[in-house]
Protein backbone atom coordinates (compact mmCIF):
# COMPACT_ATOMS: atom_id res chain seq x y z
CA MET A 1 86.29 116.96 88.35
CA ALA A 2 84.67 113.69 88.22
CA GLN A 3 86.60 110.79 89.77
CA GLY A 4 86.14 107.17 90.91
CA ARG A 5 85.94 105.74 94.25
CA ILE A 6 89.18 105.10 96.17
CA ARG A 7 89.28 102.16 98.49
CA ILE A 8 92.26 101.33 100.59
CA GLY A 9 92.99 98.31 102.79
CA ILE A 10 95.35 95.52 103.71
CA GLY A 11 95.72 91.81 102.98
CA GLY A 12 93.56 89.68 105.24
CA TRP A 13 92.59 90.38 108.77
CA THR A 14 93.92 87.51 110.91
CA PHE A 15 97.47 88.21 111.98
CA GLU A 16 98.50 87.79 115.57
CA PRO A 17 101.05 90.78 115.67
CA TRP A 18 98.07 93.22 114.76
CA ARG A 19 96.56 92.32 118.14
CA GLY A 20 97.69 95.36 120.24
CA PRO A 21 98.99 97.64 117.51
CA PHE A 22 95.71 97.55 115.46
CA TYR A 23 93.13 95.44 117.39
CA PRO A 24 92.31 96.66 120.83
CA ALA A 25 93.22 94.44 123.84
CA GLY A 26 90.47 92.06 124.65
CA LEU A 27 88.78 92.21 121.29
CA PRO A 28 87.39 88.73 120.48
CA GLN A 29 89.08 87.22 117.43
CA ARG A 30 85.66 86.59 115.82
CA ARG A 31 85.14 90.33 115.73
CA GLU A 32 88.34 91.17 114.08
CA LEU A 33 86.80 91.40 110.59
CA GLU A 34 84.13 93.73 111.86
CA TYR A 35 86.71 96.00 113.66
CA ALA A 36 89.04 96.19 110.56
CA ALA A 37 86.14 96.92 108.16
CA SER A 38 85.12 99.83 110.45
CA ARG A 39 88.53 101.47 109.83
CA LEU A 40 89.43 100.44 106.35
CA THR A 41 87.29 100.45 103.11
CA SER A 42 88.55 97.19 101.59
CA ILE A 43 90.46 94.04 102.36
CA GLU A 44 92.20 91.63 99.94
CA VAL A 45 91.50 87.92 100.79
CA ASN A 46 94.54 85.74 100.38
CA GLY A 47 92.94 82.53 101.46
CA THR A 48 91.06 82.03 98.20
CA TYR A 49 94.41 81.65 96.43
CA TYR A 50 95.15 78.46 98.53
CA GLY A 51 91.78 76.74 98.61
CA SER A 52 88.11 76.93 98.19
CA GLN A 53 86.03 78.68 100.88
CA LYS A 54 82.46 77.83 101.63
CA PRO A 55 79.52 79.89 100.45
CA GLU A 56 78.59 80.33 104.18
CA SER A 57 81.95 82.08 104.73
CA PHE A 58 81.34 84.58 102.05
CA ALA A 59 77.89 85.34 103.29
CA LYS A 60 79.30 85.80 106.87
CA TRP A 61 81.95 88.15 105.59
CA HIS A 62 79.13 90.14 103.79
CA ASP A 63 77.08 90.36 106.94
CA GLU A 64 79.90 91.44 109.14
CA THR A 65 81.01 94.47 107.19
CA PRO A 66 79.51 97.96 106.35
CA ASP A 67 77.31 98.49 103.35
CA ASP A 68 79.93 100.29 101.39
CA PHE A 69 82.84 97.85 102.15
CA VAL A 70 84.45 95.78 99.39
CA PHE A 71 86.48 92.68 99.27
CA ALA A 72 89.06 91.87 96.66
CA LEU A 73 89.58 88.07 96.23
CA LYS A 74 92.66 86.26 95.09
CA GLY A 75 91.87 83.79 92.29
CA PRO A 76 92.93 80.22 92.98
CA ARG A 77 96.59 79.16 92.30
CA PHE A 78 95.23 76.10 90.51
CA ALA A 79 94.21 78.37 87.64
CA THR A 80 97.39 80.41 87.41
CA ASN A 81 100.27 78.16 88.39
CA ARG A 82 100.22 75.94 85.35
CA ARG A 83 102.29 75.62 82.13
CA VAL A 84 99.35 76.06 79.72
CA LEU A 85 97.00 78.76 80.88
CA ALA A 86 94.48 78.00 78.15
CA GLU A 87 93.72 74.85 80.18
CA ALA A 88 92.65 76.80 83.28
CA GLY A 89 88.96 76.91 82.35
CA PRO A 90 87.70 74.31 84.86
CA SER A 91 89.63 75.91 87.82
CA VAL A 92 88.27 79.32 86.92
CA GLU A 93 84.71 78.00 86.68
CA LYS A 94 84.98 76.19 90.02
CA PHE A 95 86.15 79.27 91.72
CA LEU A 96 83.43 81.39 90.32
CA ALA A 97 80.86 78.84 91.46
CA SER A 98 82.26 78.49 94.85
CA GLY A 99 80.01 81.00 96.54
CA ILE A 100 81.86 84.36 95.96
CA THR A 101 78.53 85.77 94.74
CA GLU A 102 77.33 85.52 98.43
CA LEU A 103 79.38 88.80 98.84
CA LYS A 104 76.76 90.48 96.59
CA ALA A 105 77.69 94.24 96.03
CA LYS A 106 80.72 93.81 98.31
CA LEU A 107 82.48 91.59 95.68
CA GLY A 108 85.27 93.74 94.44
CA PRO A 109 88.13 92.85 92.02
CA ILE A 110 89.62 89.35 91.55
CA ASN A 111 93.39 89.23 91.61
CA TRP A 112 94.76 86.47 89.38
CA GLN A 113 98.35 86.28 90.64
CA PHE A 114 101.17 84.54 88.64
CA MET A 115 104.37 83.17 89.95
CA ALA A 116 107.59 85.18 89.18
CA THR A 117 108.76 82.46 86.84
CA LYS A 118 105.73 82.75 84.54
CA ARG A 119 106.88 84.49 81.34
CA PHE A 120 104.70 86.40 78.94
CA ASP A 121 103.36 84.22 76.12
CA ALA A 122 100.96 86.40 74.15
CA GLU A 123 98.90 83.60 72.65
CA ASP A 124 98.53 81.55 75.84
CA PHE A 125 97.88 84.67 78.00
CA ALA A 126 95.16 85.81 75.58
CA ALA A 127 93.57 82.41 75.94
CA PHE A 128 93.59 82.79 79.67
CA LEU A 129 91.96 86.21 79.56
CA LYS A 130 89.16 84.85 77.40
CA LEU A 131 88.34 82.51 80.19
CA LEU A 132 87.49 85.22 82.58
CA PRO A 133 83.69 86.09 82.25
CA PRO A 134 82.34 89.56 82.72
CA SER A 135 79.72 88.41 85.24
CA ALA A 136 78.61 85.61 87.54
CA GLY A 137 75.28 85.16 89.33
CA GLY A 138 74.10 88.44 87.97
CA LEU A 139 77.12 90.40 89.40
CA ARG A 140 79.64 92.26 87.34
CA LEU A 141 83.12 90.78 87.72
CA ARG A 142 86.24 92.93 87.65
CA HIS A 143 89.39 91.00 86.76
CA ALA A 144 92.98 91.97 87.44
CA VAL A 145 96.23 90.12 86.84
CA GLU A 146 99.42 90.39 88.85
CA VAL A 147 102.35 89.29 86.73
CA ARG A 148 105.81 89.13 88.15
CA HIS A 149 108.28 88.37 85.29
CA PRO A 150 110.12 91.20 83.45
CA SER A 151 108.94 89.83 80.05
CA PHE A 152 105.45 91.32 80.72
CA GLN A 153 106.85 94.89 80.62
CA CYS A 154 106.05 95.51 77.11
CA ALA A 155 103.40 97.35 74.95
CA GLU A 156 102.00 94.10 73.64
CA PHE A 157 100.95 92.94 77.10
CA VAL A 158 99.45 96.28 77.98
CA ALA A 159 97.40 96.29 74.77
CA LEU A 160 96.28 92.66 75.38
CA ALA A 161 95.04 93.50 78.85
CA ARG A 162 93.34 96.70 77.71
CA GLU A 163 91.59 94.83 74.92
CA HIS A 164 90.01 92.49 77.52
CA GLY A 165 89.27 95.24 80.02
CA VAL A 166 91.43 93.47 82.71
CA ALA A 167 93.48 95.60 85.03
CA VAL A 168 97.28 95.02 85.39
CA ILE A 169 98.13 95.15 89.11
CA THR A 170 100.70 97.89 89.76
CA ALA A 171 103.46 96.67 92.28
CA GLY A 172 104.62 99.64 94.32
CA ASP A 173 107.86 99.74 96.45
CA ALA A 174 108.62 96.18 95.50
CA ASP A 175 111.25 93.94 93.93
CA PHE A 176 108.63 92.78 91.40
CA PRO A 177 108.57 94.43 87.89
CA GLN A 178 106.31 97.41 87.93
CA ILE A 179 103.60 98.01 85.17
CA ALA A 180 101.44 101.02 86.04
CA ASP A 181 99.44 101.43 82.74
CA PRO A 182 95.81 101.61 83.49
CA THR A 183 94.07 99.02 81.30
CA ALA A 184 90.50 98.80 82.68
CA ASP A 185 87.98 101.11 84.15
CA PHE A 186 89.51 100.60 87.53
CA VAL A 187 93.18 100.52 89.00
CA TYR A 188 94.49 97.90 91.39
CA ALA A 189 97.69 98.64 93.28
CA ARG A 190 99.64 96.71 95.84
CA ILE A 191 102.35 98.68 97.71
CA MET A 192 104.90 96.71 99.71
CA GLY A 193 107.21 99.35 101.30
CA THR A 194 106.32 99.66 104.98
CA ALA A 195 109.38 99.76 107.11
CA GLU A 196 110.26 99.14 110.64
CA GLY A 197 111.00 102.43 112.45
CA GLU A 198 108.18 104.37 110.70
CA ALA A 199 105.24 104.87 113.07
CA LEU A 200 102.83 104.76 110.17
CA GLY A 201 104.78 102.24 108.06
CA TYR A 202 105.78 104.87 105.55
CA ALA A 203 107.34 108.31 105.99
CA PRO A 204 104.73 111.21 105.81
CA ALA A 205 106.03 112.29 102.34
CA GLU A 206 105.64 108.77 100.88
CA LEU A 207 102.00 108.58 102.26
CA ASP A 208 101.35 111.84 100.63
CA ARG A 209 102.78 110.62 97.32
CA TRP A 210 100.73 107.37 97.38
CA ALA A 211 97.52 109.32 98.29
CA ALA A 212 98.19 111.73 95.39
CA ARG A 213 98.79 108.93 93.03
CA ALA A 214 95.46 107.38 94.01
CA GLY A 215 93.79 110.61 93.29
CA THR A 216 95.29 110.95 89.89
CA TRP A 217 94.19 107.42 88.97
CA ALA A 218 90.67 108.01 90.25
CA GLN A 219 90.53 111.17 87.97
CA GLY A 220 91.60 109.14 84.91
CA GLY A 221 95.17 110.26 84.85
CA VAL A 222 98.53 108.41 85.02
CA PRO A 223 100.75 109.36 88.05
CA GLU A 224 104.29 110.48 87.43
CA GLY A 225 107.07 108.50 88.60
CA LEU A 226 105.64 104.99 87.74
CA GLU A 227 106.77 102.70 84.90
CA THR A 228 104.38 102.43 81.91
CA PHE A 229 104.88 100.69 78.62
CA GLY A 230 101.89 101.35 76.45
CA PRO A 231 100.14 104.52 75.01
CA ALA A 232 98.11 106.72 77.30
CA PRO A 233 94.68 105.24 78.13
CA ALA A 234 91.36 106.72 77.39
CA ALA A 235 90.30 109.45 79.65
CA GLY A 236 87.62 108.95 82.30
CA PRO A 237 87.39 108.44 86.04
CA ARG A 238 88.44 105.07 87.41
CA ASP A 239 87.68 103.19 90.76
CA VAL A 240 90.97 102.56 92.68
CA PHE A 241 91.69 99.65 94.94
CA LEU A 242 94.98 100.08 96.83
CA TYR A 243 96.39 97.56 99.34
CA VAL A 244 99.26 97.83 101.78
CA ILE A 245 100.83 94.41 101.57
CA ALA A 246 103.91 92.66 102.87
CA GLY A 247 106.82 94.99 103.92
CA HIS A 248 106.86 95.53 107.71
CA LYS A 249 103.38 93.83 107.98
CA VAL A 250 102.66 94.87 111.55
CA ALA A 251 102.49 98.59 110.31
CA ASN A 252 100.30 97.92 107.30
CA PRO A 253 96.96 98.78 108.98
CA ALA A 254 98.45 102.10 110.34
CA ALA A 255 99.71 102.96 106.79
CA ALA A 256 96.34 102.17 105.22
CA GLN A 257 94.43 104.20 107.73
CA ALA A 258 96.91 107.11 107.15
CA LEU A 259 96.22 106.98 103.48
CA ILE A 260 92.50 107.03 103.93
CA GLU A 261 92.84 110.06 106.20
CA ARG A 262 94.71 111.89 103.41
CA ILE A 263 92.25 111.02 100.73
CA ASN A 264 89.35 111.98 102.74
């Protein structure tokens, strides 16, 4: 059966408590990205949410990672943390021109994350989605939205995202509302349930469950046990980007590696 590529990773690579449990003793900090990228298949970059990065940084990240590695980038908060989303155009354009294309083929999806207080306004959200171009600098752009207010849990929002080919990010094991409808030709999930006391962050059965869900998504299906609000999507394989985020953060690399082993 045809299926898309599954990529699994963590949020960022600079976290002092990972030195020892994940990074070997004595590994220079400047080589942490290289090391993480040798054991994971993707990383979500959080720093782009808070401020602009330099083109040289994106080029450096490209050069320090394997050929088939991919970065997800968070879009800037200046675009999403505003009352009128239709006015976000300049912030979106500035971000897309900031050097992200220096990642070349390693540029993965862009996560446009919204605050939990942001409610669904169909007209304004449609205006925002129209600001997201399909390409930049000759590279295809894959856009995803992370919405965190219950008002988005409706068929109208799912249809709107699907109309624009934008993925709705699935929140797993989180306090945030879950919307697991596939709305693009890729799926983006962030799972947040790692717990202290579990050697791999998750119990083996939970790791098995998330690995199976990733496989179902990659084959074009919709996993059981997740909340959906719209009609079933069109069939067809999908690439999957799954990140182990938050929770008992020190265990996130172990959980991600365990998921990669199960999928392989």
